[in-house]
Amino acid sequence: MKQELWLNLPVRDLTKTKAFFSALGFEALRDAPEMIGFKIGGVPVMMVTKTQFEKYALQTITDTTKSTEVLISIGAPDRAYIDDMVLKVEAAGGKVFSSPADIQGWMYGCAFADLDGHRWNLLYMDHHKM
């Protein structure tokens, strides 16, 4: 059996979440009453209502205004992609908390929080400069 990875994230509002990730250009996979999926970096990411997520996890949700449980990183094809995504994130209502910048001389990246406070990292890695 082939192993696959899915990420599941709790969200408050499926309609707003769908609009946000669609505005960033990610491919929607499916809608269901309690979730919507997107293909992000080749990985299915399921956005699940908070109530349903807590049923799956058998625990309460982390308060993303006070803590971070995970930083999800997405590889970028070039620097322009990151600069463009920053504009899309801000226009869609997300918060860029780390502006685009050079990192260690061979990476270029930024980081943002989505509408539910989940933290995402965008990175372009120039392996020729590594």
N, C-alpha and C. Protein backbone atom coordinates (compact mmCIF):
# COMPACT_ATOMS: atom_id res chain seq x y z
N MET A 1 0.83 -1.18 0.00
CA MET A 1 0.00 0.00 0.00
C MET A 1 0.88 1.25 0.00
N LYS A 2 0.57 2.15 -0.87
CA LYS A 2 1.31 3.41 -0.94
C LYS A 2 0.90 4.32 0.21
N GLN A 3 1.90 4.86 0.90
CA GLN A 3 1.60 5.79 1.98
C GLN A 3 1.45 7.20 1.42
N GLU A 4 0.47 7.91 1.94
CA GLU A 4 0.25 9.30 1.56
C GLU A 4 0.15 10.13 2.82
N LEU A 5 0.37 11.42 2.67
CA LEU A 5 0.29 12.35 3.79
C LEU A 5 -0.84 13.33 3.52
N TRP A 6 -1.72 13.53 4.50
CA TRP A 6 -2.73 14.57 4.47
C TRP A 6 -2.52 15.41 5.72
N LEU A 7 -2.69 16.69 5.59
CA LEU A 7 -2.71 17.56 6.75
C LEU A 7 -4.15 17.97 7.01
N ASN A 8 -4.51 18.08 8.26
CA ASN A 8 -5.85 18.52 8.66
C ASN A 8 -5.69 19.73 9.56
N LEU A 9 -6.40 20.81 9.23
CA LEU A 9 -6.33 22.03 10.02
C LEU A 9 -7.73 22.46 10.41
N PRO A 10 -7.93 22.87 11.67
CA PRO A 10 -9.25 23.36 12.08
C PRO A 10 -9.47 24.79 11.58
N VAL A 11 -10.70 25.08 11.16
CA VAL A 11 -11.05 26.42 10.69
C VAL A 11 -12.39 26.83 11.27
N ARG A 12 -12.59 28.14 11.35
CA ARG A 12 -13.86 28.68 11.87
C ARG A 12 -14.93 28.77 10.79
N ASP A 13 -14.55 29.15 9.58
CA ASP A 13 -15.54 29.44 8.54
C ASP A 13 -15.08 28.84 7.22
N LEU A 14 -15.75 27.79 6.78
CA LEU A 14 -15.35 27.10 5.54
C LEU A 14 -15.47 28.00 4.31
N THR A 15 -16.48 28.83 4.26
CA THR A 15 -16.67 29.71 3.10
C THR A 15 -15.52 30.70 2.98
N LYS A 16 -15.15 31.34 4.08
CA LYS A 16 -14.03 32.29 4.06
C LYS A 16 -12.71 31.58 3.79
N THR A 17 -12.55 30.40 4.35
CA THR A 17 -11.33 29.63 4.13
C THR A 17 -11.20 29.25 2.66
N LYS A 18 -12.29 28.83 2.06
CA LYS A 18 -12.26 28.48 0.63
C LYS A 18 -11.89 29.69 -0.21
N ALA A 19 -12.47 30.83 0.10
CA ALA A 19 -12.16 32.06 -0.65
C ALA A 19 -10.68 32.44 -0.48
N PHE A 20 -10.16 32.32 0.74
CA PHE A 20 -8.77 32.69 1.02
C PHE A 20 -7.79 31.83 0.22
N PHE A 21 -7.89 30.52 0.35
CA PHE A 21 -6.93 29.65 -0.32
C PHE A 21 -7.13 29.61 -1.84
N SER A 22 -8.35 29.82 -2.28
CA SER A 22 -8.58 29.94 -3.73
C SER A 22 -7.93 31.20 -4.27
N ALA A 23 -8.01 32.30 -3.51
CA ALA A 23 -7.37 33.56 -3.93
C ALA A 23 -5.86 33.43 -4.02
N LEU A 24 -5.29 32.51 -3.25
CA LEU A 24 -3.84 32.29 -3.31
C LEU A 24 -3.47 31.38 -4.48
N GLY A 25 -4.47 30.82 -5.14
CA GLY A 25 -4.23 30.02 -6.32
C GLY A 25 -4.08 28.53 -6.08
N PHE A 26 -4.44 28.06 -4.88
CA PHE A 26 -4.33 26.64 -4.61
C PHE A 26 -5.54 25.89 -5.14
N GLU A 27 -5.32 24.68 -5.60
CA GLU A 27 -6.35 23.85 -6.22
C GLU A 27 -7.27 23.26 -5.16
N ALA A 28 -8.58 23.54 -5.29
CA ALA A 28 -9.56 22.95 -4.39
C ALA A 28 -9.77 21.49 -4.77
N LEU A 29 -9.81 20.62 -3.78
CA LEU A 29 -9.98 19.19 -4.02
C LEU A 29 -11.42 18.74 -3.87
N ARG A 30 -12.04 19.13 -2.78
CA ARG A 30 -13.42 18.71 -2.55
C ARG A 30 -14.05 19.56 -1.47
N ASP A 31 -15.36 19.67 -1.56
CA ASP A 31 -16.15 20.31 -0.52
C ASP A 31 -16.99 19.23 0.14
N ALA A 32 -17.15 19.32 1.40
CA ALA A 32 -18.04 18.44 2.15
C ALA A 32 -18.68 19.32 3.23
N PRO A 33 -19.73 18.86 3.86
CA PRO A 33 -20.40 19.70 4.86
C PRO A 33 -19.48 20.21 5.98
N GLU A 34 -18.47 19.44 6.36
CA GLU A 34 -17.62 19.83 7.48
C GLU A 34 -16.17 20.09 7.09
N MET A 35 -15.87 20.07 5.77
CA MET A 35 -14.48 20.30 5.37
C MET A 35 -14.37 20.71 3.91
N ILE A 36 -13.20 21.29 3.60
CA ILE A 36 -12.82 21.56 2.21
C ILE A 36 -11.35 21.19 2.09
N GLY A 37 -10.99 20.63 0.97
CA GLY A 37 -9.60 20.24 0.77
C GLY A 37 -8.93 21.09 -0.31
N PHE A 38 -7.63 21.28 -0.17
CA PHE A 38 -6.80 21.96 -1.16
C PHE A 38 -5.53 21.17 -1.37
N LYS A 39 -5.00 21.22 -2.57
CA LYS A 39 -3.70 20.62 -2.88
C LYS A 39 -2.68 21.75 -2.72
N ILE A 40 -1.82 21.63 -1.74
CA ILE A 40 -0.82 22.66 -1.45
C ILE A 40 0.54 21.98 -1.41
N GLY A 41 1.41 22.38 -2.33
CA GLY A 41 2.73 21.76 -2.39
C GLY A 41 2.65 20.27 -2.66
N GLY A 42 1.63 19.84 -3.39
CA GLY A 42 1.46 18.43 -3.70
C GLY A 42 0.82 17.61 -2.60
N VAL A 43 0.50 18.25 -1.47
CA VAL A 43 -0.06 17.55 -0.31
C VAL A 43 -1.51 17.98 -0.12
N PRO A 44 -2.42 17.03 0.05
CA PRO A 44 -3.80 17.41 0.37
C PRO A 44 -3.87 18.00 1.79
N VAL A 45 -4.45 19.18 1.88
CA VAL A 45 -4.64 19.83 3.17
C VAL A 45 -6.14 20.00 3.35
N MET A 46 -6.66 19.34 4.37
CA MET A 46 -8.08 19.36 4.65
C MET A 46 -8.36 20.42 5.71
N MET A 47 -9.21 21.38 5.37
CA MET A 47 -9.63 22.42 6.30
C MET A 47 -10.96 21.93 6.89
N VAL A 48 -10.95 21.67 8.19
CA VAL A 48 -12.07 21.01 8.86
C VAL A 48 -12.67 21.96 9.89
N THR A 49 -14.00 21.99 9.98
CA THR A 49 -14.62 22.85 10.99
C THR A 49 -14.08 22.48 12.37
N LYS A 50 -14.00 23.49 13.22
CA LYS A 50 -13.44 23.28 14.56
C LYS A 50 -14.17 22.15 15.29
N THR A 51 -15.48 22.15 15.23
CA THR A 51 -16.27 21.12 15.92
C THR A 51 -15.91 19.72 15.43
N GLN A 52 -15.85 19.56 14.11
CA GLN A 52 -15.53 18.25 13.54
C GLN A 52 -14.08 17.87 13.85
N PHE A 53 -13.17 18.84 13.77
CA PHE A 53 -11.76 18.58 14.05
C PHE A 53 -11.58 18.04 15.47
N GLU A 54 -12.25 18.66 16.42
CA GLU A 54 -12.13 18.21 17.81
C GLU A 54 -12.68 16.79 17.98
N LYS A 55 -13.68 16.42 17.18
CA LYS A 55 -14.17 15.04 17.22
C LYS A 55 -13.11 14.08 16.72
N TYR A 56 -12.40 14.47 15.67
CA TYR A 56 -11.33 13.62 15.13
C TYR A 56 -10.16 13.50 16.11
N ALA A 57 -9.75 14.64 16.65
CA ALA A 57 -8.54 14.69 17.47
C ALA A 57 -8.77 14.28 18.92
N LEU A 58 -10.01 14.31 19.37
CA LEU A 58 -10.35 14.00 20.76
C LEU A 58 -9.63 14.92 21.75
N GLN A 59 -9.39 16.16 21.29
CA GLN A 59 -8.78 17.19 22.13
C GLN A 59 -9.30 18.55 21.68
N THR A 60 -9.09 19.54 22.53
CA THR A 60 -9.46 20.90 22.13
C THR A 60 -8.40 21.46 21.18
N ILE A 61 -8.78 22.48 20.46
CA ILE A 61 -7.92 23.11 19.47
C ILE A 61 -6.97 24.09 20.15
N THR A 62 -5.75 24.17 19.64
CA THR A 62 -4.78 25.15 20.12
C THR A 62 -5.27 26.55 19.76
N ASP A 63 -5.12 27.50 20.68
CA ASP A 63 -5.48 28.89 20.42
C ASP A 63 -4.35 29.54 19.63
N THR A 64 -4.56 29.71 18.32
CA THR A 64 -3.50 30.23 17.45
C THR A 64 -3.20 31.71 17.67
N THR A 65 -3.99 32.38 18.50
CA THR A 65 -3.65 33.77 18.83
C THR A 65 -2.60 33.82 19.94
N LYS A 66 -2.37 32.67 20.60
CA LYS A 66 -1.44 32.64 21.73
C LYS A 66 -0.26 31.69 21.52
N SER A 67 -0.40 30.75 20.59
CA SER A 67 0.67 29.77 20.40
C SER A 67 0.64 29.22 18.99
N THR A 68 1.73 28.56 18.63
CA THR A 68 1.85 27.94 17.32
C THR A 68 2.20 26.49 17.52
N GLU A 69 1.46 25.61 16.88
CA GLU A 69 1.75 24.19 16.99
C GLU A 69 2.62 23.70 15.85
N VAL A 70 2.47 24.33 14.67
CA VAL A 70 3.20 23.88 13.50
C VAL A 70 3.43 25.06 12.56
N LEU A 71 4.53 25.03 11.84
CA LEU A 71 4.81 25.98 10.77
C LEU A 71 4.87 25.16 9.49
N ILE A 72 3.95 25.43 8.58
CA ILE A 72 3.86 24.66 7.35
C ILE A 72 4.65 25.40 6.27
N SER A 73 5.64 24.74 5.69
CA SER A 73 6.50 25.37 4.69
C SER A 73 6.14 24.90 3.30
N ILE A 74 6.16 25.84 2.37
CA ILE A 74 5.86 25.57 0.97
C ILE A 74 7.03 26.05 0.14
N GLY A 75 7.54 25.18 -0.71
CA GLY A 75 8.63 25.55 -1.62
C GLY A 75 8.11 26.44 -2.74
N ALA A 76 8.86 27.44 -3.10
CA ALA A 76 8.49 28.38 -4.16
C ALA A 76 9.42 28.18 -5.36
N PRO A 77 8.90 28.35 -6.58
CA PRO A 77 9.74 28.16 -7.76
C PRO A 77 10.75 29.28 -7.99
N ASP A 78 10.46 30.48 -7.46
CA ASP A 78 11.38 31.61 -7.63
C ASP A 78 10.99 32.73 -6.66
N ARG A 79 11.80 33.77 -6.63
CA ARG A 79 11.56 34.90 -5.72
C ARG A 79 10.27 35.64 -6.08
N ALA A 80 10.00 35.77 -7.37
CA ALA A 80 8.81 36.49 -7.82
C ALA A 80 7.53 35.85 -7.29
N TYR A 81 7.53 34.52 -7.20
CA TYR A 81 6.37 33.80 -6.67
C TYR A 81 6.09 34.26 -5.24
N ILE A 82 7.12 34.39 -4.44
CA ILE A 82 6.96 34.81 -3.05
C ILE A 82 6.45 36.24 -2.99
N ASP A 83 7.03 37.13 -3.76
CA ASP A 83 6.58 38.52 -3.76
C ASP A 83 5.11 38.62 -4.19
N ASP A 84 4.71 37.83 -5.17
CA ASP A 84 3.33 37.82 -5.63
C ASP A 84 2.40 37.24 -4.56
N MET A 85 2.83 36.19 -3.90
CA MET A 85 2.00 35.56 -2.86
C MET A 85 1.77 36.50 -1.69
N VAL A 86 2.75 37.32 -1.34
CA VAL A 86 2.58 38.27 -0.24
C VAL A 86 1.42 39.21 -0.55
N LEU A 87 1.36 39.68 -1.78
CA LEU A 87 0.27 40.57 -2.18
C LEU A 87 -1.08 39.85 -2.12
N LYS A 88 -1.10 38.60 -2.57
CA LYS A 88 -2.34 37.82 -2.55
C LYS A 88 -2.79 37.54 -1.12
N VAL A 89 -1.84 37.19 -0.25
CA VAL A 89 -2.17 36.90 1.16
C VAL A 89 -2.80 38.13 1.81
N GLU A 90 -2.17 39.28 1.63
CA GLU A 90 -2.68 40.50 2.25
C GLU A 90 -4.05 40.89 1.67
N ALA A 91 -4.21 40.77 0.36
CA ALA A 91 -5.48 41.11 -0.28
C ALA A 91 -6.61 40.18 0.17
N ALA A 92 -6.27 38.93 0.48
CA ALA A 92 -7.27 37.94 0.89
C ALA A 92 -7.56 37.98 2.39
N GLY A 93 -6.86 38.83 3.14
CA GLY A 93 -7.14 38.97 4.56
C GLY A 93 -6.18 38.26 5.49
N GLY A 94 -5.12 37.66 4.94
CA GLY A 94 -4.11 37.02 5.78
C GLY A 94 -3.15 38.06 6.34
N LYS A 95 -2.28 37.62 7.25
CA LYS A 95 -1.32 38.54 7.88
C LYS A 95 0.10 38.07 7.61
N VAL A 96 0.88 38.88 6.91
CA VAL A 96 2.29 38.58 6.70
C VAL A 96 3.03 38.99 7.97
N PHE A 97 3.61 38.03 8.67
CA PHE A 97 4.32 38.36 9.91
C PHE A 97 5.83 38.35 9.75
N SER A 98 6.29 37.92 8.59
CA SER A 98 7.71 37.99 8.26
C SER A 98 7.81 38.33 6.78
N SER A 99 8.19 39.57 6.49
CA SER A 99 8.24 40.05 5.11
C SER A 99 9.30 39.32 4.31
N PRO A 100 9.16 39.29 2.98
CA PRO A 100 10.16 38.63 2.14
C PRO A 100 11.57 39.16 2.42
N ALA A 101 12.50 38.22 2.55
CA ALA A 101 13.88 38.59 2.85
C ALA A 101 14.81 37.46 2.46
N ASP A 102 16.07 37.81 2.24
CA ASP A 102 17.10 36.80 2.01
C ASP A 102 17.42 36.12 3.32
N ILE A 103 17.67 34.81 3.24
CA ILE A 103 17.96 34.01 4.43
C ILE A 103 19.21 33.18 4.16
N GLN A 104 20.21 33.35 4.98
CA GLN A 104 21.46 32.58 4.91
C GLN A 104 22.15 32.64 3.55
N GLY A 105 21.85 33.64 2.74
CA GLY A 105 22.54 33.84 1.47
C GLY A 105 22.09 32.94 0.33
N TRP A 106 21.23 31.97 0.57
CA TRP A 106 20.80 31.07 -0.51
C TRP A 106 19.30 30.79 -0.52
N MET A 107 18.59 31.39 0.44
CA MET A 107 17.14 31.23 0.46
C MET A 107 16.49 32.62 0.45
N TYR A 108 15.26 32.65 0.02
CA TYR A 108 14.44 33.86 0.04
C TYR A 108 13.07 33.42 0.50
N GLY A 109 12.53 34.09 1.49
CA GLY A 109 11.26 33.63 2.01
C GLY A 109 10.50 34.67 2.78
N CYS A 110 9.30 34.27 3.15
CA CYS A 110 8.43 35.08 3.99
C CYS A 110 7.52 34.14 4.76
N ALA A 111 6.74 34.68 5.67
CA ALA A 111 5.81 33.86 6.43
C ALA A 111 4.54 34.64 6.69
N PHE A 112 3.42 33.89 6.70
CA PHE A 112 2.13 34.53 6.92
C PHE A 112 1.22 33.65 7.76
N ALA A 113 0.21 34.28 8.33
CA ALA A 113 -0.84 33.55 9.05
C ALA A 113 -2.11 33.62 8.22
N ASP A 114 -2.80 32.49 8.11
CA ASP A 114 -4.07 32.47 7.38
C ASP A 114 -5.18 33.04 8.27
N LEU A 115 -6.41 32.96 7.84
CA LEU A 115 -7.53 33.55 8.56
C LEU A 115 -7.75 32.95 9.94
N ASP A 116 -7.27 31.72 10.15
CA ASP A 116 -7.42 31.06 11.44
C ASP A 116 -6.15 31.09 12.28
N GLY A 117 -5.14 31.81 11.82
CA GLY A 117 -3.90 31.95 12.57
C GLY A 117 -2.89 30.85 12.34
N HIS A 118 -3.18 29.91 11.43
CA HIS A 118 -2.19 28.88 11.10
C HIS A 118 -1.04 29.56 10.37
N ARG A 119 0.17 29.16 10.70
CA ARG A 119 1.35 29.82 10.16
C ARG A 119 1.96 29.05 9.01
N TRP A 120 2.25 29.80 7.94
CA TRP A 120 2.78 29.25 6.70
C TRP A 120 4.07 29.96 6.35
N ASN A 121 5.00 29.21 5.80
CA ASN A 121 6.31 29.72 5.41
C ASN A 121 6.48 29.46 3.91
N LEU A 122 6.85 30.46 3.15
CA LEU A 122 7.13 30.30 1.73
C LEU A 122 8.63 30.46 1.53
N LEU A 123 9.25 29.49 0.86
CA LEU A 123 10.71 29.53 0.68
C LEU A 123 11.11 29.21 -0.75
N TYR A 124 11.96 30.06 -1.30
CA TYR A 124 12.66 29.76 -2.54
C TYR A 124 14.09 29.44 -2.14
N MET A 125 14.59 28.29 -2.59
CA MET A 125 15.95 27.89 -2.26
C MET A 125 16.79 27.84 -3.55
N ASP A 126 17.82 28.66 -3.60
CA ASP A 126 18.73 28.69 -4.73
C ASP A 126 19.90 27.76 -4.41
N HIS A 127 19.79 26.51 -4.85
CA HIS A 127 20.79 25.50 -4.48
C HIS A 127 22.16 25.79 -5.08
N HIS A 128 22.24 26.62 -6.10
CA HIS A 128 23.54 26.99 -6.67
C HIS A 128 24.33 27.88 -5.73
N LYS A 129 23.64 28.59 -4.84
CA LYS A 129 24.30 29.46 -3.87
C LYS A 129 24.52 28.77 -2.53
N MET A 130 24.03 27.57 -2.38
CA MET A 130 24.10 26.86 -1.11
C MET A 130 25.52 26.53 -0.73
